[in-house]
Amino acid sequence: MPDVTIYTDGAARGNPNGPGGYGAIVRYEDASGKVFEREYSAGFAVTTNNRMELMAAIVALENLKVPCRVTLYSDSKYLVDAYEQGWVWYWRTHGWRNKQGDAVKNAELWQRLLEQTDRHEVTFSWVKGHNGHAENERCDELATTAADGEELYVDDGGDLREPARCEGATAVKKDGADALPEYVPGTLSPEELYARIEALRERIDAEMELLERMEEEYYADGE
């Protein structure tokens, strides 16, 4: 059984209902020591970060042509803990309900992922995101580039190899009005942090002004 290493990441802008993307790296070394590597990524018009994390793993595993022994690295606790803690098998045997009796979110993707983890021998390993891990950083780049790209697809849980094109969709850029800029503590200089704070204050003020105008209109109509 071939040994394969997979790295995955997902990203979303304006999570939970903005554009998003996934990135994955699949790496295999043959008996002669030759390394084969392939990258996968795609962007979706309306999705969530968790769905992108799942899709990254699904796409990488689905593209393995034969059953493999896989080590999959991800910075998603949502993904890794579901297997490490055994939740995913509990969900399957309890009709995709959690221990509280609620329907499991993204059940169709979990089912699809389980088909692959039944086919392969997969070990999930968590890595800390944005911490200098080369492959994780590359997957993040693939995911965010796809999320910010012009070619976005429909997240309907369907064929991930040939998803439906979302015609007329425009990605929300990282600094767009509908998405908060990503912030990782300790990565900004005092000047950059101050500028980010001021920009966020301006956004909050603008949105509060909009909220007040909408409330005025709503209550005026009710008189």
N, C-alpha and C. Protein backbone atom coordinates (compact mmCIF):
# COMPACT_ATOMS: atom_id res chain seq x y z
N MET A 1 0.86 -1.20 0.00
CA MET A 1 0.00 0.00 0.00
C MET A 1 0.89 1.25 0.00
N PRO A 2 0.72 2.15 -0.97
CA PRO A 2 1.57 3.35 -1.05
C PRO A 2 1.38 4.27 0.16
N ASP A 3 2.48 4.91 0.58
CA ASP A 3 2.42 5.91 1.65
C ASP A 3 2.33 7.29 1.02
N VAL A 4 1.32 8.05 1.42
CA VAL A 4 1.06 9.37 0.86
C VAL A 4 0.93 10.37 1.99
N THR A 5 1.43 11.57 1.78
CA THR A 5 1.28 12.66 2.74
C THR A 5 0.42 13.75 2.11
N ILE A 6 -0.56 14.22 2.87
CA ILE A 6 -1.48 15.25 2.38
C ILE A 6 -1.50 16.41 3.37
N TYR A 7 -1.50 17.61 2.82
CA TYR A 7 -1.64 18.84 3.61
C TYR A 7 -2.87 19.58 3.09
N THR A 8 -3.70 20.10 3.99
CA THR A 8 -4.92 20.77 3.55
C THR A 8 -5.19 22.04 4.35
N ASP A 9 -5.96 22.92 3.75
CA ASP A 9 -6.42 24.12 4.46
C ASP A 9 -7.65 24.67 3.76
N GLY A 10 -8.46 25.39 4.51
CA GLY A 10 -9.64 26.05 3.97
C GLY A 10 -9.67 27.50 4.40
N ALA A 11 -10.36 28.33 3.63
CA ALA A 11 -10.46 29.75 3.96
C ALA A 11 -11.82 30.26 3.54
N ALA A 12 -12.29 31.27 4.24
CA ALA A 12 -13.57 31.91 3.88
C ALA A 12 -13.49 33.39 4.19
N ARG A 13 -14.09 34.17 3.31
CA ARG A 13 -14.18 35.61 3.50
C ARG A 13 -15.59 35.95 3.95
N GLY A 14 -15.72 36.68 5.04
CA GLY A 14 -17.06 36.98 5.52
C GLY A 14 -17.76 35.74 6.04
N ASN A 15 -16.97 34.80 6.60
CA ASN A 15 -17.53 33.57 7.15
C ASN A 15 -18.69 33.90 8.11
N PRO A 16 -19.90 33.26 8.01
CA PRO A 16 -20.07 31.97 7.36
C PRO A 16 -20.67 32.00 5.95
N ASN A 17 -21.04 33.11 5.40
CA ASN A 17 -21.72 33.06 4.12
C ASN A 17 -21.11 33.98 3.07
N GLY A 18 -19.80 33.95 2.96
CA GLY A 18 -19.11 34.68 1.92
C GLY A 18 -18.38 33.72 1.02
N PRO A 19 -17.56 34.22 0.12
CA PRO A 19 -16.77 33.34 -0.74
C PRO A 19 -15.68 32.64 0.07
N GLY A 20 -15.26 31.49 -0.43
CA GLY A 20 -14.22 30.74 0.26
C GLY A 20 -13.45 29.88 -0.71
N GLY A 21 -12.43 29.22 -0.21
CA GLY A 21 -11.62 28.36 -1.07
C GLY A 21 -10.91 27.31 -0.26
N TYR A 22 -10.44 26.29 -0.95
CA TYR A 22 -9.65 25.26 -0.29
C TYR A 22 -8.32 25.09 -1.01
N GLY A 23 -7.35 24.55 -0.30
CA GLY A 23 -6.06 24.23 -0.89
C GLY A 23 -5.56 22.91 -0.33
N ALA A 24 -4.94 22.11 -1.18
CA ALA A 24 -4.42 20.82 -0.74
C ALA A 24 -3.15 20.48 -1.51
N ILE A 25 -2.25 19.82 -0.83
CA ILE A 25 -1.02 19.30 -1.43
C ILE A 25 -1.00 17.80 -1.20
N VAL A 26 -0.79 17.04 -2.26
CA VAL A 26 -0.67 15.58 -2.16
C VAL A 26 0.75 15.21 -2.58
N ARG A 27 1.46 14.49 -1.71
CA ARG A 27 2.87 14.17 -1.96
C ARG A 27 3.10 12.66 -1.79
N TYR A 28 3.81 12.11 -2.77
CA TYR A 28 4.13 10.67 -2.77
C TYR A 28 5.57 10.46 -3.20
N GLU A 29 6.27 9.60 -2.49
CA GLU A 29 7.65 9.26 -2.83
C GLU A 29 7.71 7.78 -3.22
N ASP A 30 8.20 7.49 -4.42
CA ASP A 30 8.23 6.11 -4.87
C ASP A 30 9.46 5.38 -4.31
N ALA A 31 9.60 4.10 -4.68
CA ALA A 31 10.66 3.27 -4.12
C ALA A 31 12.06 3.76 -4.45
N SER A 32 12.17 4.50 -5.55
CA SER A 32 13.48 5.02 -5.95
C SER A 32 13.82 6.34 -5.27
N GLY A 33 12.89 6.87 -4.50
CA GLY A 33 13.11 8.15 -3.82
C GLY A 33 12.63 9.35 -4.60
N LYS A 34 12.02 9.14 -5.77
CA LYS A 34 11.49 10.24 -6.55
C LYS A 34 10.18 10.74 -5.95
N VAL A 35 10.08 12.04 -5.77
CA VAL A 35 8.91 12.64 -5.13
C VAL A 35 7.95 13.18 -6.19
N PHE A 36 6.70 12.80 -6.04
CA PHE A 36 5.64 13.30 -6.91
C PHE A 36 4.72 14.17 -6.05
N GLU A 37 4.37 15.33 -6.57
CA GLU A 37 3.54 16.25 -5.79
C GLU A 37 2.52 16.94 -6.69
N ARG A 38 1.31 17.10 -6.16
CA ARG A 38 0.27 17.80 -6.90
C ARG A 38 -0.52 18.69 -5.96
N GLU A 39 -0.92 19.86 -6.46
CA GLU A 39 -1.71 20.80 -5.66
C GLU A 39 -3.12 20.89 -6.23
N TYR A 40 -4.08 21.11 -5.31
CA TYR A 40 -5.47 21.26 -5.69
C TYR A 40 -6.04 22.51 -5.01
N SER A 41 -6.88 23.24 -5.70
CA SER A 41 -7.56 24.38 -5.09
C SER A 41 -8.77 24.77 -5.93
N ALA A 42 -9.73 25.41 -5.29
CA ALA A 42 -10.91 25.93 -5.98
C ALA A 42 -11.59 26.93 -5.05
N GLY A 43 -12.31 27.88 -5.65
CA GLY A 43 -13.04 28.89 -4.87
C GLY A 43 -14.53 28.76 -5.07
N PHE A 44 -15.30 29.09 -4.04
CA PHE A 44 -16.75 28.97 -4.07
C PHE A 44 -17.39 30.30 -3.66
N ALA A 45 -18.49 30.63 -4.31
CA ALA A 45 -19.09 31.95 -4.13
C ALA A 45 -19.67 32.15 -2.73
N VAL A 46 -20.37 31.16 -2.22
CA VAL A 46 -20.99 31.26 -0.89
C VAL A 46 -20.73 29.96 -0.15
N THR A 47 -19.99 30.04 0.94
CA THR A 47 -19.64 28.82 1.66
C THR A 47 -19.21 29.18 3.08
N THR A 48 -18.60 28.25 3.77
CA THR A 48 -18.08 28.49 5.12
C THR A 48 -16.67 27.94 5.23
N ASN A 49 -15.95 28.37 6.23
CA ASN A 49 -14.59 27.89 6.43
C ASN A 49 -14.57 26.39 6.68
N ASN A 50 -15.52 25.90 7.50
CA ASN A 50 -15.54 24.48 7.82
C ASN A 50 -15.79 23.62 6.58
N ARG A 51 -16.67 24.09 5.70
CA ARG A 51 -16.92 23.33 4.48
C ARG A 51 -15.67 23.29 3.60
N MET A 52 -14.92 24.37 3.59
CA MET A 52 -13.71 24.39 2.80
C MET A 52 -12.65 23.45 3.39
N GLU A 53 -12.58 23.37 4.70
CA GLU A 53 -11.65 22.44 5.34
C GLU A 53 -11.99 20.99 4.95
N LEU A 54 -13.27 20.68 4.97
CA LEU A 54 -13.69 19.33 4.61
C LEU A 54 -13.45 19.05 3.13
N MET A 55 -13.77 20.01 2.28
CA MET A 55 -13.59 19.81 0.84
C MET A 55 -12.13 19.59 0.49
N ALA A 56 -11.23 20.29 1.13
CA ALA A 56 -9.81 20.12 0.86
C ALA A 56 -9.39 18.67 1.08
N ALA A 57 -9.83 18.10 2.20
CA ALA A 57 -9.49 16.71 2.50
C ALA A 57 -10.16 15.75 1.53
N ILE A 58 -11.42 16.01 1.21
CA ILE A 58 -12.16 15.14 0.30
C ILE A 58 -11.51 15.11 -1.08
N VAL A 59 -11.23 16.28 -1.62
CA VAL A 59 -10.64 16.35 -2.96
C VAL A 59 -9.29 15.63 -3.01
N ALA A 60 -8.46 15.86 -2.01
CA ALA A 60 -7.15 15.23 -1.99
C ALA A 60 -7.27 13.71 -1.96
N LEU A 61 -8.15 13.20 -1.13
CA LEU A 61 -8.31 11.75 -1.00
C LEU A 61 -9.00 11.14 -2.22
N GLU A 62 -9.98 11.84 -2.77
CA GLU A 62 -10.69 11.31 -3.93
C GLU A 62 -9.79 11.19 -5.15
N ASN A 63 -8.74 11.98 -5.20
CA ASN A 63 -7.84 11.94 -6.34
C ASN A 63 -6.76 10.87 -6.23
N LEU A 64 -6.75 10.11 -5.15
CA LEU A 64 -5.84 8.97 -5.04
C LEU A 64 -6.47 7.79 -5.77
N LYS A 65 -5.78 7.28 -6.76
CA LYS A 65 -6.37 6.26 -7.63
C LYS A 65 -6.45 4.88 -7.00
N VAL A 66 -5.61 4.60 -6.01
CA VAL A 66 -5.63 3.30 -5.34
C VAL A 66 -5.66 3.54 -3.83
N PRO A 67 -6.10 2.55 -3.06
CA PRO A 67 -6.06 2.70 -1.61
C PRO A 67 -4.64 2.97 -1.12
N CYS A 68 -4.51 3.94 -0.22
CA CYS A 68 -3.19 4.36 0.26
C CYS A 68 -3.16 4.46 1.78
N ARG A 69 -1.96 4.45 2.30
CA ARG A 69 -1.74 4.74 3.72
C ARG A 69 -1.40 6.23 3.79
N VAL A 70 -2.30 7.02 4.38
CA VAL A 70 -2.22 8.47 4.29
C VAL A 70 -2.01 9.10 5.66
N THR A 71 -1.11 10.07 5.70
CA THR A 71 -1.01 10.98 6.84
C THR A 71 -1.49 12.34 6.35
N LEU A 72 -2.55 12.83 6.96
CA LEU A 72 -3.15 14.09 6.52
C LEU A 72 -2.97 15.15 7.59
N TYR A 73 -2.31 16.24 7.22
CA TYR A 73 -2.04 17.35 8.14
C TYR A 73 -3.01 18.49 7.86
N SER A 74 -3.63 19.00 8.92
CA SER A 74 -4.58 20.10 8.80
C SER A 74 -4.51 20.98 10.04
N ASP A 75 -4.80 22.27 9.88
CA ASP A 75 -4.86 23.15 11.05
C ASP A 75 -6.29 23.30 11.55
N SER A 76 -7.19 22.45 11.06
CA SER A 76 -8.60 22.51 11.45
C SER A 76 -8.91 21.52 12.56
N LYS A 77 -9.18 22.02 13.74
CA LYS A 77 -9.62 21.16 14.84
C LYS A 77 -10.97 20.53 14.51
N TYR A 78 -11.77 21.26 13.77
CA TYR A 78 -13.08 20.76 13.35
C TYR A 78 -12.93 19.44 12.61
N LEU A 79 -11.97 19.37 11.71
CA LEU A 79 -11.71 18.17 10.94
C LEU A 79 -10.98 17.11 11.75
N VAL A 80 -9.85 17.47 12.33
CA VAL A 80 -9.00 16.50 13.00
C VAL A 80 -9.69 15.89 14.22
N ASP A 81 -10.32 16.71 15.05
CA ASP A 81 -10.94 16.20 16.27
C ASP A 81 -12.12 15.27 15.98
N ALA A 82 -12.81 15.49 14.86
CA ALA A 82 -13.94 14.62 14.52
C ALA A 82 -13.48 13.17 14.40
N TYR A 83 -12.26 12.98 13.91
CA TYR A 83 -11.71 11.63 13.80
C TYR A 83 -10.96 11.22 15.07
N GLU A 84 -10.14 12.12 15.59
CA GLU A 84 -9.35 11.78 16.77
C GLU A 84 -10.24 11.48 17.98
N GLN A 85 -11.36 12.17 18.10
CA GLN A 85 -12.27 11.97 19.22
C GLN A 85 -13.37 10.95 18.90
N GLY A 86 -13.41 10.48 17.66
CA GLY A 86 -14.39 9.46 17.29
C GLY A 86 -15.78 9.97 17.02
N TRP A 87 -15.95 11.29 16.92
CA TRP A 87 -17.29 11.84 16.73
C TRP A 87 -17.92 11.39 15.42
N VAL A 88 -17.11 11.32 14.37
CA VAL A 88 -17.66 11.07 13.05
C VAL A 88 -18.32 9.70 12.98
N TRP A 89 -17.80 8.71 13.67
CA TRP A 89 -18.42 7.38 13.65
C TRP A 89 -19.68 7.37 14.51
N TYR A 90 -19.69 8.14 15.58
CA TYR A 90 -20.92 8.27 16.38
C TYR A 90 -22.02 8.88 15.53
N TRP A 91 -21.68 9.94 14.80
CA TRP A 91 -22.69 10.58 13.96
C TRP A 91 -23.26 9.60 12.94
N ARG A 92 -22.38 8.82 12.31
CA ARG A 92 -22.85 7.90 11.27
C ARG A 92 -23.79 6.85 11.85
N THR A 93 -23.47 6.32 13.02
CA THR A 93 -24.30 5.26 13.59
C THR A 93 -25.56 5.81 14.27
N HIS A 94 -25.64 7.13 14.41
CA HIS A 94 -26.83 7.73 15.04
C HIS A 94 -27.59 8.64 14.07
N GLY A 95 -27.56 8.26 12.79
CA GLY A 95 -28.36 8.98 11.79
C GLY A 95 -27.96 10.43 11.60
N TRP A 96 -26.65 10.72 11.76
CA TRP A 96 -26.12 12.07 11.59
C TRP A 96 -26.77 13.07 12.54
N ARG A 97 -26.87 12.57 13.78
CA ARG A 97 -27.29 13.40 14.91
C ARG A 97 -26.17 13.38 15.94
N ASN A 98 -25.92 14.53 16.58
CA ASN A 98 -24.90 14.55 17.62
C ASN A 98 -25.49 14.07 18.94
N LYS A 99 -24.68 14.10 20.00
CA LYS A 99 -25.12 13.58 21.28
C LYS A 99 -26.24 14.40 21.90
N GLN A 100 -26.40 15.62 21.40
CA GLN A 100 -27.51 16.46 21.87
C GLN A 100 -28.78 16.22 21.05
N GLY A 101 -28.68 15.37 20.03
CA GLY A 101 -29.84 15.07 19.19
C GLY A 101 -30.02 16.03 18.04
N ASP A 102 -29.09 16.98 17.86
CA ASP A 102 -29.19 17.95 16.77
C ASP A 102 -28.58 17.38 15.49
N ALA A 103 -29.11 17.86 14.36
CA ALA A 103 -28.57 17.43 13.08
C ALA A 103 -27.13 17.92 12.92
N VAL A 104 -26.26 17.06 12.44
CA VAL A 104 -24.86 17.41 12.24
C VAL A 104 -24.73 18.31 11.01
N LYS A 105 -24.05 19.43 11.17
CA LYS A 105 -23.84 20.33 10.04
C LYS A 105 -22.88 19.70 9.03
N ASN A 106 -23.12 20.01 7.78
CA ASN A 106 -22.27 19.54 6.67
C ASN A 106 -22.26 18.02 6.57
N ALA A 107 -23.38 17.40 6.91
CA ALA A 107 -23.45 15.94 6.95
C ALA A 107 -23.09 15.31 5.60
N GLU A 108 -23.49 15.95 4.50
CA GLU A 108 -23.21 15.35 3.19
C GLU A 108 -21.72 15.32 2.90
N LEU A 109 -20.99 16.29 3.42
CA LEU A 109 -19.54 16.30 3.24
C LEU A 109 -18.85 15.30 4.17
N TRP A 110 -19.35 15.18 5.39
CA TRP A 110 -18.79 14.19 6.31
C TRP A 110 -19.00 12.79 5.75
N GLN A 111 -20.16 12.53 5.16
CA GLN A 111 -20.42 11.21 4.58
C GLN A 111 -19.46 10.94 3.44
N ARG A 112 -19.23 11.96 2.65
CA ARG A 112 -18.33 11.81 1.51
C ARG A 112 -16.88 11.57 1.99
N LEU A 113 -16.49 12.27 3.04
CA LEU A 113 -15.16 12.08 3.59
C LEU A 113 -15.02 10.68 4.19
N LEU A 114 -16.06 10.19 4.84
CA LEU A 114 -16.02 8.86 5.41
C LEU A 114 -15.84 7.78 4.35
N GLU A 115 -16.41 7.99 3.18
CA GLU A 115 -16.22 7.04 2.09
C GLU A 115 -14.73 6.91 1.76
N GLN A 116 -14.02 8.03 1.86
CA GLN A 116 -12.59 8.02 1.55
C GLN A 116 -11.76 7.46 2.70
N THR A 117 -12.13 7.77 3.92
CA THR A 117 -11.37 7.24 5.05
C THR A 117 -11.67 5.76 5.27
N ASP A 118 -12.79 5.26 4.72
CA ASP A 118 -13.04 3.83 4.70
C ASP A 118 -12.18 3.16 3.63
N ARG A 119 -11.92 3.87 2.55
CA ARG A 119 -11.14 3.32 1.43
C ARG A 119 -9.64 3.33 1.70
N HIS A 120 -9.18 4.35 2.37
CA HIS A 120 -7.75 4.50 2.68
C HIS A 120 -7.52 4.30 4.17
N GLU A 121 -6.26 4.11 4.54
CA GLU A 121 -5.86 4.13 5.95
C GLU A 121 -5.36 5.54 6.24
N VAL A 122 -6.16 6.33 6.94
CA VAL A 122 -5.84 7.75 7.12
C VAL A 122 -5.57 8.07 8.59
N THR A 123 -4.46 8.72 8.82
CA THR A 123 -4.13 9.26 10.13
C THR A 123 -4.18 10.78 10.04
N PHE A 124 -4.99 11.40 10.88
CA PHE A 124 -5.11 12.86 10.88
C PHE A 124 -4.16 13.45 11.91
N SER A 125 -3.50 14.52 11.53
CA SER A 125 -2.55 15.18 12.42
C SER A 125 -2.77 16.69 12.38
N TRP A 126 -2.94 17.28 13.55
CA TRP A 126 -3.20 18.73 13.61
C TRP A 126 -1.88 19.50 13.63
N VAL A 127 -1.85 20.59 12.87
CA VAL A 127 -0.72 21.52 12.90
C VAL A 127 -1.26 22.91 13.20
N LYS A 128 -0.48 23.70 13.88
CA LYS A 128 -0.90 25.06 14.20
C LYS A 128 -0.81 25.93 12.97
N GLY A 129 -1.91 26.61 12.66
CA GLY A 129 -1.94 27.46 11.48
C GLY A 129 -1.16 28.75 11.68
N HIS A 130 -0.66 29.32 10.57
CA HIS A 130 0.07 30.59 10.58
C HIS A 130 1.25 30.54 11.55
N ASN A 131 1.94 29.41 11.52
CA ASN A 131 3.03 29.23 12.46
C ASN A 131 4.32 28.81 11.76
N GLY A 132 4.44 29.16 10.49
CA GLY A 132 5.66 28.89 9.77
C GLY A 132 5.79 27.50 9.19
N HIS A 133 4.73 26.69 9.26
CA HIS A 133 4.75 25.36 8.66
C HIS A 133 4.64 25.53 7.14
N ALA A 134 5.68 25.16 6.42
CA ALA A 134 5.79 25.49 5.00
C ALA A 134 4.60 25.00 4.18
N GLU A 135 4.23 23.74 4.34
CA GLU A 135 3.13 23.20 3.54
C GLU A 135 1.79 23.79 3.96
N ASN A 136 1.62 24.02 5.25
CA ASN A 136 0.38 24.64 5.71
C ASN A 136 0.25 26.06 5.16
N GLU A 137 1.35 26.79 5.14
CA GLU A 137 1.33 28.15 4.60
C GLU A 137 1.00 28.12 3.10
N ARG A 138 1.55 27.14 2.39
CA ARG A 138 1.25 27.02 0.97
C ARG A 138 -0.22 26.68 0.74
N CYS A 139 -0.78 25.79 1.54
CA CYS A 139 -2.19 25.46 1.41
C CYS A 139 -3.07 26.67 1.71
N ASP A 140 -2.66 27.46 2.71
CA ASP A 140 -3.39 28.70 3.02
C ASP A 140 -3.35 29.65 1.83
N GLU A 141 -2.19 29.75 1.19
CA GLU A 141 -2.07 30.61 0.01
C GLU A 141 -2.98 30.12 -1.12
N LEU A 142 -2.99 28.81 -1.34
CA LEU A 142 -3.87 28.25 -2.36
C LEU A 142 -5.33 28.54 -2.06
N ALA A 143 -5.72 28.36 -0.80
CA ALA A 143 -7.12 28.55 -0.40
C ALA A 143 -7.56 30.00 -0.51
N THR A 144 -6.73 30.92 0.00
CA THR A 144 -7.13 32.33 -0.02
C THR A 144 -7.09 32.90 -1.44
N THR A 145 -6.13 32.45 -2.24
CA THR A 145 -6.07 32.90 -3.63
C THR A 145 -7.32 32.44 -4.38
N ALA A 146 -7.76 31.22 -4.14
CA ALA A 146 -8.97 30.71 -4.78
C ALA A 146 -10.20 31.48 -4.31
N ALA A 147 -10.26 31.78 -3.01
CA ALA A 147 -11.41 32.52 -2.46
C ALA A 147 -11.50 33.91 -3.04
N ASP A 148 -10.35 34.52 -3.32
CA ASP A 148 -10.31 35.89 -3.83
C ASP A 148 -10.31 35.94 -5.36
N GLY A 149 -10.34 34.79 -5.99
CA GLY A 149 -10.26 34.75 -7.44
C GLY A 149 -11.56 35.11 -8.13
N GLU A 150 -11.50 35.22 -9.45
CA GLU A 150 -12.67 35.56 -10.24
C GLU A 150 -13.48 34.33 -10.64
N GLU A 151 -12.84 33.16 -10.61
CA GLU A 151 -13.53 31.93 -11.01
C GLU A 151 -14.04 31.21 -9.77
N LEU A 152 -15.31 31.42 -9.47
CA LEU A 152 -15.92 30.84 -8.28
C LEU A 152 -17.00 29.84 -8.69
N TYR A 153 -17.20 28.84 -7.80
CA TYR A 153 -18.14 27.77 -8.10
C TYR A 153 -19.27 27.75 -7.08
N VAL A 154 -20.27 26.92 -7.37
CA VAL A 154 -21.44 26.78 -6.50
C VAL A 154 -21.16 25.68 -5.48
N ASP A 155 -21.27 26.01 -4.21
CA ASP A 155 -21.08 25.02 -3.15
C ASP A 155 -22.41 24.32 -2.90
N ASP A 156 -22.65 23.26 -3.67
CA ASP A 156 -23.88 22.50 -3.50
C ASP A 156 -23.62 21.08 -3.02
N GLY A 157 -22.35 20.80 -2.64
CA GLY A 157 -22.00 19.48 -2.16
C GLY A 157 -21.90 18.44 -3.27
N GLY A 158 -21.92 18.90 -4.52
CA GLY A 158 -21.91 17.99 -5.65
C GLY A 158 -20.51 17.59 -6.07
N ASP A 159 -20.31 17.44 -7.37
CA ASP A 159 -19.04 16.98 -7.92
C ASP A 159 -17.96 18.02 -7.66
N LEU A 160 -17.00 17.69 -6.80
CA LEU A 160 -15.96 18.65 -6.46
C LEU A 160 -14.86 18.69 -7.51
N ARG A 161 -14.81 17.69 -8.38
CA ARG A 161 -13.81 17.72 -9.44
C ARG A 161 -14.24 18.63 -10.58
N GLU A 162 -15.55 18.67 -10.84
CA GLU A 162 -16.08 19.54 -11.88
C GLU A 162 -17.31 20.27 -11.34
N PRO A 163 -17.13 21.17 -10.38
CA PRO A 163 -18.27 21.88 -9.78
C PRO A 163 -18.90 22.86 -10.76
N ALA A 164 -20.14 23.23 -10.47
CA ALA A 164 -20.87 24.15 -11.33
C ALA A 164 -20.32 25.56 -11.16
N ARG A 165 -20.08 26.22 -12.28
CA ARG A 165 -19.57 27.60 -12.26
C ARG A 165 -20.66 28.53 -11.76
N CYS A 166 -20.30 29.44 -10.86
CA CYS A 166 -21.25 30.44 -10.36
C CYS A 166 -21.15 31.67 -11.24
N GLU A 167 -22.01 31.76 -12.23
CA GLU A 167 -21.93 32.85 -13.19
C GLU A 167 -22.21 34.19 -12.54
N GLY A 168 -21.39 35.16 -12.86
CA GLY A 168 -21.60 36.53 -12.36
C GLY A 168 -21.13 36.74 -10.95
N ALA A 169 -20.52 35.73 -10.34
CA ALA A 169 -20.05 35.88 -8.96
C ALA A 169 -18.77 36.68 -8.91
N THR A 170 -18.68 37.53 -7.92
CA THR A 170 -17.46 38.32 -7.71
C THR A 170 -16.97 38.08 -6.29
N ALA A 171 -15.75 37.71 -6.16
CA ALA A 171 -15.19 37.43 -4.83
C ALA A 171 -15.11 38.70 -4.01
N VAL A 172 -15.30 38.55 -2.71
CA VAL A 172 -15.09 39.65 -1.78
C VAL A 172 -13.63 39.65 -1.39
N LYS A 173 -12.90 40.68 -1.72
CA LYS A 173 -11.48 40.73 -1.44
C LYS A 173 -11.23 40.84 0.06
N LYS A 174 -10.01 40.54 0.44
CA LYS A 174 -9.66 40.53 1.85
C LYS A 174 -9.92 41.88 2.51
N ASP A 175 -9.74 42.95 1.72
CA ASP A 175 -9.97 44.27 2.28
C ASP A 175 -11.29 44.85 1.81
N GLY A 176 -12.21 43.98 1.37
CA GLY A 176 -13.50 44.44 0.86
C GLY A 176 -14.40 44.89 1.99
N ALA A 177 -15.51 45.55 1.61
CA ALA A 177 -16.41 46.10 2.60
C ALA A 177 -17.18 45.03 3.35
N ASP A 178 -17.31 43.81 2.74
CA ASP A 178 -18.13 42.78 3.34
C ASP A 178 -17.32 41.75 4.12
N ALA A 179 -16.04 41.91 4.21
CA ALA A 179 -15.22 40.92 4.90
C ALA A 179 -14.25 41.61 5.85
N LEU A 180 -14.21 41.09 7.07
CA LEU A 180 -13.23 41.61 8.02
C LEU A 180 -11.85 41.12 7.64
N PRO A 181 -10.85 41.98 7.72
CA PRO A 181 -9.49 41.53 7.41
C PRO A 181 -9.02 40.52 8.44
N GLU A 182 -8.27 39.56 7.98
CA GLU A 182 -7.74 38.54 8.88
C GLU A 182 -6.75 39.16 9.85
N TYR A 183 -6.82 38.74 11.11
CA TYR A 183 -5.90 39.28 12.11
C TYR A 183 -5.30 38.13 12.90
N VAL A 184 -3.99 38.04 12.90
CA VAL A 184 -3.27 37.05 13.69
C VAL A 184 -2.45 37.80 14.74
N PRO A 185 -2.78 37.63 16.03
CA PRO A 185 -2.06 38.37 17.09
C PRO A 185 -0.55 38.22 16.97
N GLY A 186 0.13 39.35 17.19
CA GLY A 186 1.58 39.34 17.20
C GLY A 186 2.24 39.46 15.85
N THR A 187 1.44 39.64 14.80
CA THR A 187 2.03 39.69 13.45
C THR A 187 2.10 41.11 12.89
N LEU A 188 1.53 42.09 13.59
CA LEU A 188 1.51 43.45 13.09
C LEU A 188 2.40 44.36 13.92
N SER A 189 3.00 45.33 13.26
CA SER A 189 3.76 46.35 13.98
C SER A 189 2.76 47.28 14.68
N PRO A 190 3.22 48.08 15.67
CA PRO A 190 2.31 49.01 16.33
C PRO A 190 1.63 49.96 15.34
N GLU A 191 2.37 50.39 14.31
CA GLU A 191 1.79 51.30 13.32
C GLU A 191 0.70 50.60 12.51
N GLU A 192 0.98 49.37 12.10
CA GLU A 192 -0.01 48.60 11.33
C GLU A 192 -1.23 48.28 12.17
N LEU A 193 -1.01 47.96 13.44
CA LEU A 193 -2.12 47.65 14.33
C LEU A 193 -2.99 48.87 14.54
N TYR A 194 -2.36 50.04 14.72
CA TYR A 194 -3.13 51.28 14.90
C TYR A 194 -3.97 51.57 13.66
N ALA A 195 -3.36 51.40 12.47
CA ALA A 195 -4.09 51.66 11.23
C ALA A 195 -5.27 50.70 11.09
N ARG A 196 -5.07 49.45 11.49
CA ARG A 196 -6.15 48.47 11.41
C ARG A 196 -7.28 48.82 12.38
N ILE A 197 -6.91 49.28 13.56
CA ILE A 197 -7.93 49.68 14.55
C ILE A 197 -8.75 50.85 14.03
N GLU A 198 -8.06 51.84 13.46
CA GLU A 198 -8.78 53.02 12.94
C GLU A 198 -9.70 52.63 11.80
N ALA A 199 -9.24 51.75 10.92
CA ALA A 199 -10.07 51.32 9.80
C ALA A 199 -11.30 50.57 10.30
N LEU A 200 -11.12 49.76 11.33
CA LEU A 200 -12.24 49.01 11.89
C LEU A 200 -13.22 49.94 12.58
N ARG A 201 -12.70 50.97 13.27
CA ARG A 201 -13.58 51.95 13.91
C ARG A 201 -14.44 52.66 12.86
N GLU A 202 -13.82 53.01 11.73
CA GLU A 202 -14.55 53.68 10.66
C GLU A 202 -15.65 52.77 10.11
N ARG A 203 -15.33 51.51 9.98
CA ARG A 203 -16.33 50.56 9.48
C ARG A 203 -17.49 50.43 10.46
N ILE A 204 -17.17 50.31 11.74
CA ILE A 204 -18.21 50.19 12.75
C ILE A 204 -19.09 51.43 12.76
N ASP A 205 -18.47 52.61 12.69
CA ASP A 205 -19.24 53.86 12.67
C ASP A 205 -20.18 53.92 11.47
N ALA A 206 -19.67 53.50 10.30
CA ALA A 206 -20.48 53.52 9.08
C ALA A 206 -21.65 52.56 9.19
N GLU A 207 -21.39 51.37 9.76
CA GLU A 207 -22.46 50.39 9.88
C GLU A 207 -23.48 50.80 10.94
N MET A 208 -23.03 51.46 12.00
CA MET A 208 -23.97 51.95 13.00
C MET A 208 -24.86 53.04 12.42
N GLU A 209 -24.27 53.89 11.57
CA GLU A 209 -25.06 54.92 10.91
C GLU A 209 -26.11 54.30 10.00
N LEU A 210 -25.70 53.26 9.26
CA LEU A 210 -26.64 52.56 8.39
C LEU A 210 -27.74 51.91 9.20
N LEU A 211 -27.38 51.28 10.33
CA LEU A 211 -28.37 50.64 11.19
C LEU A 211 -29.38 51.65 11.70
N GLU A 212 -28.92 52.82 12.12
CA GLU A 212 -29.83 53.85 12.62
C GLU A 212 -30.80 54.31 11.55
N ARG A 213 -30.31 54.47 10.30
CA ARG A 213 -31.19 54.89 9.21
C ARG A 213 -32.23 53.82 8.91
N MET A 214 -31.82 52.57 8.95
CA MET A 214 -32.75 51.48 8.68
C MET A 214 -33.81 51.38 9.77
N GLU A 215 -33.38 51.56 11.03
CA GLU A 215 -34.34 51.51 12.13
C GLU A 215 -35.33 52.67 12.05
N GLU A 216 -34.83 53.86 11.68
CA GLU A 216 -35.72 55.01 11.52
C GLU A 216 -36.78 54.74 10.47
N GLU A 217 -36.35 54.14 9.34
CA GLU A 217 -37.29 53.82 8.27
C GLU A 217 -38.29 52.78 8.71
N TYR A 218 -37.79 51.76 9.44
CA TYR A 218 -38.68 50.67 9.88
C TYR A 218 -39.76 51.19 10.83
N TYR A 219 -39.34 51.97 11.83
CA TYR A 219 -40.31 52.44 12.80
C TYR A 219 -41.22 53.51 12.22
N ALA A 220 -40.71 54.28 11.25
CA ALA A 220 -41.56 55.28 10.60
C ALA A 220 -42.67 54.59 9.81
N ASP A 221 -42.34 53.48 9.16
CA ASP A 221 -43.35 52.75 8.40
C ASP A 221 -44.40 52.12 9.31
N GLY A 222 -43.99 51.87 10.56
CA GLY A 222 -44.92 51.23 11.48
C GLY A 222 -45.88 52.21 12.16
N GLU A 223 -45.66 53.50 11.97
CA GLU A 223 -46.53 54.49 12.63
C GLU A 223 -47.87 54.62 11.93
